[in-house]
Amino acid sequence: MPRDFTRTTFFARHRVLVRALAEAMFTCDRGPDAARLEAFVDDIDSFVSHASRMLRLGLLLMLEVIRFAPFWLVWRPATFESLPCPDRIRVLERMESSRFVPVVLVFAAYKAILCLVYFEHRDELADVGYSAERTRWVRALPLVSSQAAE
């Protein structure tokens, strides 16, 4: 029997960090609940686990940069996941507007991955106003009948 692909990349400390990163990036009035965040971390781990070995190593190193970013961005002797949510948001804002390009690239890489996976979920798309029942493509493309094709 063939086995399903079950590689995981994140260690426990990375899972906590990705969860804290998601809380900071997607926090809003109601925010995602704990179960949704746990499922989201599993989805991110699966997404990263399908990459090549070198890309997985690079993404893990980028997570370590995010983890220790509060030391030099907000001058706090704490890791990213141990900060309260408003301070995490401030760290991400400073990463995004940094003049040091590698810090911006680390932020952009994880922002792209997290947004790509987070907004695949129908409920999150509905929260931002996207309707899954779009049928414009049906009206825009002419249908060819089987008689006309012959």
N, C-alpha and C. Protein backbone atom coordinates (compact mmCIF):
# COMPACT_ATOMS: atom_id res chain seq x y z
N MET A 1 0.84 -1.19 0.00
CA MET A 1 0.00 0.00 0.00
C MET A 1 0.88 1.25 0.00
N PRO A 2 0.60 2.19 -0.88
CA PRO A 2 1.36 3.44 -0.82
C PRO A 2 0.95 4.26 0.40
N ARG A 3 1.92 4.95 0.96
CA ARG A 3 1.64 5.78 2.12
C ARG A 3 1.39 7.22 1.67
N ASP A 4 0.55 7.91 2.43
CA ASP A 4 0.31 9.32 2.16
C ASP A 4 1.54 10.13 2.53
N PHE A 5 1.70 11.25 1.89
CA PHE A 5 2.81 12.15 2.18
C PHE A 5 2.55 12.83 3.52
N THR A 6 3.45 12.64 4.48
CA THR A 6 3.20 13.15 5.82
C THR A 6 4.39 13.95 6.38
N ARG A 7 5.20 14.54 5.54
CA ARG A 7 6.34 15.30 6.04
C ARG A 7 5.85 16.55 6.77
N THR A 8 6.48 16.85 7.88
CA THR A 8 6.25 18.11 8.58
C THR A 8 7.59 18.82 8.71
N THR A 9 7.55 20.11 8.76
CA THR A 9 8.77 20.91 8.80
C THR A 9 8.95 21.61 10.13
N PHE A 10 7.87 22.12 10.69
CA PHE A 10 7.97 22.95 11.88
C PHE A 10 8.17 22.13 13.15
N PHE A 11 9.04 22.63 14.01
CA PHE A 11 9.18 22.11 15.36
C PHE A 11 8.14 22.82 16.23
N ALA A 12 8.03 22.44 17.47
CA ALA A 12 7.03 23.04 18.37
C ALA A 12 7.23 24.54 18.49
N ARG A 13 8.48 25.00 18.58
CA ARG A 13 8.72 26.45 18.72
C ARG A 13 8.31 27.21 17.46
N HIS A 14 8.44 26.58 16.30
CA HIS A 14 8.01 27.23 15.06
C HIS A 14 6.49 27.31 14.98
N ARG A 15 5.82 26.28 15.45
CA ARG A 15 4.35 26.28 15.43
C ARG A 15 3.80 27.40 16.31
N VAL A 16 4.41 27.60 17.49
CA VAL A 16 3.98 28.69 18.38
C VAL A 16 4.25 30.04 17.71
N LEU A 17 5.38 30.15 17.04
CA LEU A 17 5.73 31.40 16.37
C LEU A 17 4.79 31.71 15.21
N VAL A 18 4.46 30.70 14.42
CA VAL A 18 3.53 30.92 13.29
C VAL A 18 2.15 31.30 13.81
N ARG A 19 1.73 30.69 14.90
CA ARG A 19 0.44 31.06 15.49
C ARG A 19 0.46 32.52 15.96
N ALA A 20 1.53 32.94 16.62
CA ALA A 20 1.65 34.33 17.08
C ALA A 20 1.70 35.29 15.89
N LEU A 21 2.38 34.88 14.84
CA LEU A 21 2.45 35.69 13.62
C LEU A 21 1.08 35.84 12.98
N ALA A 22 0.32 34.75 12.93
CA ALA A 22 -1.03 34.80 12.36
C ALA A 22 -1.95 35.66 13.22
N GLU A 23 -1.83 35.56 14.52
CA GLU A 23 -2.65 36.41 15.41
C GLU A 23 -2.36 37.88 15.16
N ALA A 24 -1.09 38.21 14.99
CA ALA A 24 -0.72 39.60 14.77
C ALA A 24 -1.16 40.09 13.39
N MET A 25 -1.06 39.24 12.38
CA MET A 25 -1.40 39.67 11.03
C MET A 25 -2.89 39.73 10.77
N PHE A 26 -3.64 38.80 11.33
CA PHE A 26 -5.06 38.69 11.00
C PHE A 26 -5.97 39.09 12.15
N THR A 27 -5.44 39.77 13.13
CA THR A 27 -6.28 40.19 14.23
C THR A 27 -7.21 41.31 13.74
N CYS A 28 -8.42 41.24 14.18
CA CYS A 28 -9.40 42.26 13.84
C CYS A 28 -10.37 42.33 15.01
N ASP A 29 -11.55 42.89 14.79
CA ASP A 29 -12.50 43.03 15.89
C ASP A 29 -12.82 41.69 16.54
N ARG A 30 -13.06 40.69 15.73
CA ARG A 30 -13.40 39.39 16.31
C ARG A 30 -12.27 38.40 16.22
N GLY A 31 -11.41 38.51 15.23
CA GLY A 31 -10.24 37.66 15.10
C GLY A 31 -10.56 36.19 14.94
N PRO A 32 -9.61 35.41 14.47
CA PRO A 32 -9.84 33.97 14.34
C PRO A 32 -9.83 33.30 15.71
N ASP A 33 -10.64 32.27 15.86
CA ASP A 33 -10.70 31.56 17.14
C ASP A 33 -9.52 30.58 17.24
N ALA A 34 -9.36 29.97 18.41
CA ALA A 34 -8.22 29.11 18.69
C ALA A 34 -8.19 27.88 17.77
N ALA A 35 -9.35 27.29 17.53
CA ALA A 35 -9.39 26.11 16.66
C ALA A 35 -8.99 26.46 15.23
N ARG A 36 -9.44 27.61 14.76
CA ARG A 36 -9.09 28.05 13.41
C ARG A 36 -7.58 28.32 13.31
N LEU A 37 -7.00 28.89 14.36
CA LEU A 37 -5.56 29.16 14.35
C LEU A 37 -4.75 27.86 14.34
N GLU A 38 -5.18 26.87 15.10
CA GLU A 38 -4.47 25.59 15.12
C GLU A 38 -4.54 24.92 13.74
N ALA A 39 -5.71 24.95 13.13
CA ALA A 39 -5.85 24.38 11.78
C ALA A 39 -5.01 25.17 10.78
N PHE A 40 -4.95 26.48 10.98
CA PHE A 40 -4.16 27.34 10.10
C PHE A 40 -2.67 27.00 10.20
N VAL A 41 -2.18 26.78 11.41
CA VAL A 41 -0.77 26.41 11.60
C VAL A 41 -0.49 25.07 10.92
N ASP A 42 -1.41 24.13 11.01
CA ASP A 42 -1.26 22.85 10.30
C ASP A 42 -1.19 23.06 8.79
N ASP A 43 -2.04 23.95 8.28
CA ASP A 43 -2.03 24.25 6.84
C ASP A 43 -0.72 24.89 6.40
N ILE A 44 -0.20 25.80 7.21
CA ILE A 44 1.07 26.44 6.87
C ILE A 44 2.20 25.42 6.90
N ASP A 45 2.20 24.55 7.90
CA ASP A 45 3.22 23.51 7.99
C ASP A 45 3.16 22.60 6.76
N SER A 46 1.97 22.23 6.35
CA SER A 46 1.81 21.40 5.16
C SER A 46 2.28 22.13 3.91
N PHE A 47 1.95 23.41 3.82
CA PHE A 47 2.36 24.23 2.66
C PHE A 47 3.88 24.29 2.55
N VAL A 48 4.54 24.56 3.67
CA VAL A 48 5.99 24.67 3.67
C VAL A 48 6.64 23.30 3.46
N SER A 49 6.02 22.26 3.96
CA SER A 49 6.60 20.91 3.89
C SER A 49 6.66 20.37 2.47
N HIS A 50 5.91 20.90 1.56
CA HIS A 50 5.94 20.44 0.18
C HIS A 50 7.03 21.11 -0.64
N ALA A 51 7.76 22.02 -0.04
CA ALA A 51 8.83 22.73 -0.75
C ALA A 51 10.11 21.88 -0.75
N SER A 52 11.10 22.33 -1.49
CA SER A 52 12.37 21.61 -1.53
C SER A 52 13.11 21.77 -0.20
N ARG A 53 14.14 20.96 -0.02
CA ARG A 53 14.89 20.98 1.24
C ARG A 53 15.53 22.35 1.49
N MET A 54 16.12 22.95 0.47
CA MET A 54 16.78 24.25 0.65
C MET A 54 15.76 25.34 0.95
N LEU A 55 14.60 25.30 0.30
CA LEU A 55 13.57 26.30 0.56
C LEU A 55 13.01 26.15 1.97
N ARG A 56 12.82 24.91 2.41
CA ARG A 56 12.35 24.69 3.78
C ARG A 56 13.36 25.23 4.79
N LEU A 57 14.64 24.99 4.55
CA LEU A 57 15.68 25.51 5.43
C LEU A 57 15.66 27.04 5.45
N GLY A 58 15.52 27.65 4.28
CA GLY A 58 15.45 29.10 4.21
C GLY A 58 14.24 29.66 4.94
N LEU A 59 13.10 29.01 4.81
CA LEU A 59 11.89 29.47 5.49
C LEU A 59 12.00 29.31 7.01
N LEU A 60 12.68 28.25 7.46
CA LEU A 60 12.90 28.09 8.90
C LEU A 60 13.85 29.16 9.43
N LEU A 61 14.88 29.49 8.65
CA LEU A 61 15.79 30.56 9.07
C LEU A 61 15.08 31.91 9.10
N MET A 62 14.17 32.13 8.17
CA MET A 62 13.38 33.36 8.18
C MET A 62 12.50 33.43 9.42
N LEU A 63 11.96 32.30 9.84
CA LEU A 63 11.17 32.28 11.08
C LEU A 63 12.03 32.66 12.28
N GLU A 64 13.28 32.21 12.28
CA GLU A 64 14.17 32.58 13.38
C GLU A 64 14.46 34.08 13.37
N VAL A 65 14.57 34.68 12.20
CA VAL A 65 14.75 36.14 12.11
C VAL A 65 13.53 36.84 12.70
N ILE A 66 12.34 36.37 12.37
CA ILE A 66 11.12 36.96 12.92
C ILE A 66 11.08 36.77 14.43
N ARG A 67 11.51 35.61 14.87
CA ARG A 67 11.48 35.31 16.31
C ARG A 67 12.31 36.30 17.12
N PHE A 68 13.48 36.67 16.61
CA PHE A 68 14.37 37.55 17.36
C PHE A 68 14.32 39.00 16.88
N ALA A 69 13.38 39.34 16.01
CA ALA A 69 13.24 40.70 15.50
C ALA A 69 12.96 41.74 16.59
N PRO A 70 12.23 41.43 17.66
CA PRO A 70 12.00 42.45 18.70
C PRO A 70 13.28 42.97 19.34
N PHE A 71 14.36 42.19 19.32
CA PHE A 71 15.61 42.63 19.94
C PHE A 71 16.14 43.90 19.28
N TRP A 72 16.08 43.98 17.95
CA TRP A 72 16.65 45.15 17.28
C TRP A 72 15.60 46.07 16.65
N LEU A 73 14.34 45.67 16.58
CA LEU A 73 13.33 46.56 15.99
C LEU A 73 12.58 47.39 17.02
N VAL A 74 12.30 46.83 18.19
CA VAL A 74 11.62 47.59 19.25
C VAL A 74 12.43 47.60 20.53
N TRP A 75 13.66 47.10 20.46
CA TRP A 75 14.60 47.11 21.59
C TRP A 75 14.00 46.48 22.84
N ARG A 76 13.37 45.32 22.66
CA ARG A 76 12.79 44.57 23.77
C ARG A 76 13.51 43.23 23.88
N PRO A 77 13.98 42.86 25.06
CA PRO A 77 14.65 41.57 25.22
C PRO A 77 13.63 40.43 25.34
N ALA A 78 12.89 40.20 24.28
CA ALA A 78 11.86 39.16 24.27
C ALA A 78 11.75 38.58 22.87
N THR A 79 11.27 37.36 22.79
CA THR A 79 11.03 36.78 21.47
C THR A 79 9.68 37.24 20.96
N PHE A 80 9.46 37.09 19.67
CA PHE A 80 8.24 37.58 19.03
C PHE A 80 6.99 36.98 19.65
N GLU A 81 7.00 35.67 19.88
CA GLU A 81 5.80 35.00 20.38
C GLU A 81 5.49 35.34 21.83
N SER A 82 6.47 35.85 22.58
CA SER A 82 6.22 36.20 23.98
C SER A 82 5.69 37.62 24.16
N LEU A 83 5.68 38.40 23.10
CA LEU A 83 5.18 39.77 23.17
C LEU A 83 3.65 39.79 23.16
N PRO A 84 3.05 40.82 23.77
CA PRO A 84 1.59 40.97 23.61
C PRO A 84 1.27 41.36 22.16
N CYS A 85 0.04 41.14 21.76
CA CYS A 85 -0.37 41.34 20.36
C CYS A 85 -0.08 42.75 19.83
N PRO A 86 -0.36 43.83 20.57
CA PRO A 86 -0.04 45.16 20.02
C PRO A 86 1.46 45.35 19.74
N ASP A 87 2.31 44.78 20.56
CA ASP A 87 3.75 44.88 20.31
C ASP A 87 4.17 44.03 19.12
N ARG A 88 3.53 42.88 18.94
CA ARG A 88 3.82 42.06 17.76
C ARG A 88 3.44 42.80 16.48
N ILE A 89 2.31 43.48 16.53
CA ILE A 89 1.88 44.27 15.36
C ILE A 89 2.89 45.37 15.07
N ARG A 90 3.40 46.01 16.13
CA ARG A 90 4.41 47.06 15.94
C ARG A 90 5.69 46.49 15.34
N VAL A 91 6.09 45.30 15.76
CA VAL A 91 7.27 44.66 15.19
C VAL A 91 7.06 44.39 13.70
N LEU A 92 5.88 43.88 13.33
CA LEU A 92 5.60 43.61 11.92
C LEU A 92 5.57 44.89 11.10
N GLU A 93 5.02 45.97 11.66
CA GLU A 93 5.01 47.25 10.95
C GLU A 93 6.43 47.75 10.73
N ARG A 94 7.28 47.57 11.71
CA ARG A 94 8.67 48.01 11.56
C ARG A 94 9.43 47.12 10.59
N MET A 95 9.10 45.84 10.56
CA MET A 95 9.73 44.96 9.57
C MET A 95 9.32 45.37 8.17
N GLU A 96 8.07 45.72 8.00
CA GLU A 96 7.56 46.09 6.69
C GLU A 96 8.18 47.39 6.17
N SER A 97 8.45 48.31 7.07
CA SER A 97 8.98 49.62 6.64
C SER A 97 10.47 49.78 6.90
N SER A 98 11.17 48.69 7.16
CA SER A 98 12.60 48.75 7.44
C SER A 98 13.39 49.18 6.21
N ARG A 99 14.50 49.86 6.45
CA ARG A 99 15.38 50.23 5.34
C ARG A 99 16.35 49.11 5.00
N PHE A 100 16.45 48.12 5.87
CA PHE A 100 17.31 46.97 5.65
C PHE A 100 16.52 45.94 4.84
N VAL A 101 16.84 45.81 3.58
CA VAL A 101 16.04 45.03 2.63
C VAL A 101 15.84 43.57 3.05
N PRO A 102 16.85 42.86 3.58
CA PRO A 102 16.59 41.47 3.98
C PRO A 102 15.47 41.32 5.02
N VAL A 103 15.32 42.29 5.90
CA VAL A 103 14.23 42.23 6.89
C VAL A 103 12.88 42.37 6.18
N VAL A 104 12.80 43.25 5.22
CA VAL A 104 11.57 43.43 4.45
C VAL A 104 11.25 42.17 3.66
N LEU A 105 12.27 41.54 3.10
CA LEU A 105 12.04 40.31 2.34
C LEU A 105 11.55 39.17 3.22
N VAL A 106 12.07 39.08 4.43
CA VAL A 106 11.58 38.05 5.37
C VAL A 106 10.11 38.30 5.68
N PHE A 107 9.77 39.55 5.94
CA PHE A 107 8.37 39.89 6.21
C PHE A 107 7.50 39.58 5.00
N ALA A 108 7.93 39.99 3.83
CA ALA A 108 7.12 39.78 2.62
C ALA A 108 6.94 38.30 2.30
N ALA A 109 7.96 37.50 2.54
CA ALA A 109 7.85 36.07 2.27
C ALA A 109 6.77 35.43 3.14
N TYR A 110 6.81 35.71 4.43
CA TYR A 110 5.80 35.09 5.29
C TYR A 110 4.44 35.75 5.16
N LYS A 111 4.40 37.02 4.84
CA LYS A 111 3.09 37.65 4.62
C LYS A 111 2.41 37.02 3.41
N ALA A 112 3.16 36.77 2.36
CA ALA A 112 2.59 36.15 1.16
C ALA A 112 2.09 34.74 1.46
N ILE A 113 2.89 33.94 2.14
CA ILE A 113 2.49 32.57 2.45
C ILE A 113 1.26 32.55 3.35
N LEU A 114 1.29 33.35 4.41
CA LEU A 114 0.18 33.34 5.36
C LEU A 114 -1.11 33.85 4.71
N CYS A 115 -1.03 34.90 3.92
CA CYS A 115 -2.24 35.42 3.27
C CYS A 115 -2.78 34.44 2.25
N LEU A 116 -1.89 33.80 1.51
CA LEU A 116 -2.33 32.83 0.50
C LEU A 116 -3.12 31.70 1.15
N VAL A 117 -2.62 31.17 2.24
CA VAL A 117 -3.29 30.05 2.90
C VAL A 117 -4.51 30.52 3.69
N TYR A 118 -4.41 31.67 4.35
CA TYR A 118 -5.51 32.16 5.19
C TYR A 118 -6.75 32.47 4.37
N PHE A 119 -6.58 33.09 3.22
CA PHE A 119 -7.73 33.50 2.43
C PHE A 119 -8.21 32.43 1.46
N GLU A 120 -7.72 31.20 1.58
CA GLU A 120 -8.32 30.08 0.86
C GLU A 120 -9.61 29.64 1.54
N HIS A 121 -9.77 29.97 2.78
CA HIS A 121 -10.93 29.57 3.57
C HIS A 121 -12.13 30.43 3.19
N ARG A 122 -13.27 29.81 2.90
CA ARG A 122 -14.47 30.53 2.45
C ARG A 122 -14.96 31.57 3.45
N ASP A 123 -14.91 31.25 4.74
CA ASP A 123 -15.40 32.21 5.75
C ASP A 123 -14.56 33.47 5.77
N GLU A 124 -13.25 33.32 5.59
CA GLU A 124 -12.37 34.50 5.60
C GLU A 124 -12.60 35.33 4.34
N LEU A 125 -12.85 34.68 3.22
CA LEU A 125 -13.17 35.42 1.99
C LEU A 125 -14.47 36.19 2.14
N ALA A 126 -15.45 35.58 2.78
CA ALA A 126 -16.73 36.26 2.98
C ALA A 126 -16.56 37.46 3.91
N ASP A 127 -15.66 37.37 4.89
CA ASP A 127 -15.43 38.49 5.80
C ASP A 127 -14.87 39.71 5.11
N VAL A 128 -14.11 39.50 4.03
CA VAL A 128 -13.56 40.64 3.30
C VAL A 128 -14.44 41.06 2.12
N GLY A 129 -15.62 40.42 1.99
CA GLY A 129 -16.59 40.85 0.99
C GLY A 129 -16.56 40.08 -0.31
N TYR A 130 -15.81 39.01 -0.40
CA TYR A 130 -15.77 38.22 -1.61
C TYR A 130 -16.92 37.23 -1.61
N SER A 131 -17.67 37.18 -2.67
CA SER A 131 -18.78 36.25 -2.77
C SER A 131 -18.35 35.05 -3.59
N ALA A 132 -18.51 33.87 -3.03
CA ALA A 132 -18.12 32.65 -3.73
C ALA A 132 -19.10 32.28 -4.83
N GLU A 133 -20.25 32.93 -4.86
CA GLU A 133 -21.27 32.60 -5.85
C GLU A 133 -21.16 33.48 -7.09
N ARG A 134 -19.98 33.86 -7.46
CA ARG A 134 -19.80 34.69 -8.65
C ARG A 134 -20.02 33.85 -9.90
N THR A 135 -20.84 34.35 -10.78
CA THR A 135 -21.13 33.62 -12.01
C THR A 135 -20.92 34.51 -13.23
N ARG A 136 -20.12 35.54 -13.12
CA ARG A 136 -19.89 36.44 -14.24
C ARG A 136 -19.24 35.70 -15.41
N TRP A 137 -18.38 34.77 -15.10
CA TRP A 137 -17.69 34.04 -16.16
C TRP A 137 -18.68 33.25 -17.02
N VAL A 138 -19.82 32.86 -16.47
CA VAL A 138 -20.82 32.13 -17.24
C VAL A 138 -21.45 33.06 -18.27
N ARG A 139 -21.69 34.31 -17.89
CA ARG A 139 -22.29 35.27 -18.83
C ARG A 139 -21.27 35.76 -19.84
N ALA A 140 -20.00 35.84 -19.47
CA ALA A 140 -18.99 36.44 -20.35
C ALA A 140 -18.52 35.49 -21.44
N LEU A 141 -18.52 34.22 -21.18
CA LEU A 141 -18.02 33.27 -22.17
C LEU A 141 -19.18 32.67 -22.95
N PRO A 142 -19.16 32.79 -24.27
CA PRO A 142 -20.26 32.18 -25.04
C PRO A 142 -20.16 30.66 -24.99
N LEU A 143 -21.28 30.04 -24.88
CA LEU A 143 -21.33 28.58 -24.84
C LEU A 143 -21.47 28.05 -26.27
N VAL A 144 -20.67 27.05 -26.58
CA VAL A 144 -20.70 26.44 -27.90
C VAL A 144 -21.49 25.15 -27.79
N SER A 145 -22.50 25.02 -28.57
CA SER A 145 -23.29 23.78 -28.54
C SER A 145 -22.55 22.68 -29.27
N SER A 146 -22.94 21.48 -29.03
CA SER A 146 -22.28 20.34 -29.67
C SER A 146 -22.53 20.32 -31.17
N GLN A 147 -23.68 20.86 -31.65
CA GLN A 147 -23.98 20.90 -33.08
C GLN A 147 -23.09 21.91 -33.77
N ALA A 148 -22.82 23.05 -33.13
CA ALA A 148 -21.98 24.07 -33.75
C ALA A 148 -20.52 23.62 -33.81
N ALA A 149 -20.12 22.77 -32.90
CA ALA A 149 -18.74 22.29 -32.87
C ALA A 149 -18.47 21.30 -34.00
N GLU A 150 -19.50 20.63 -34.48
CA GLU A 150 -19.32 19.64 -35.55
C GLU A 150 -19.23 20.29 -36.85
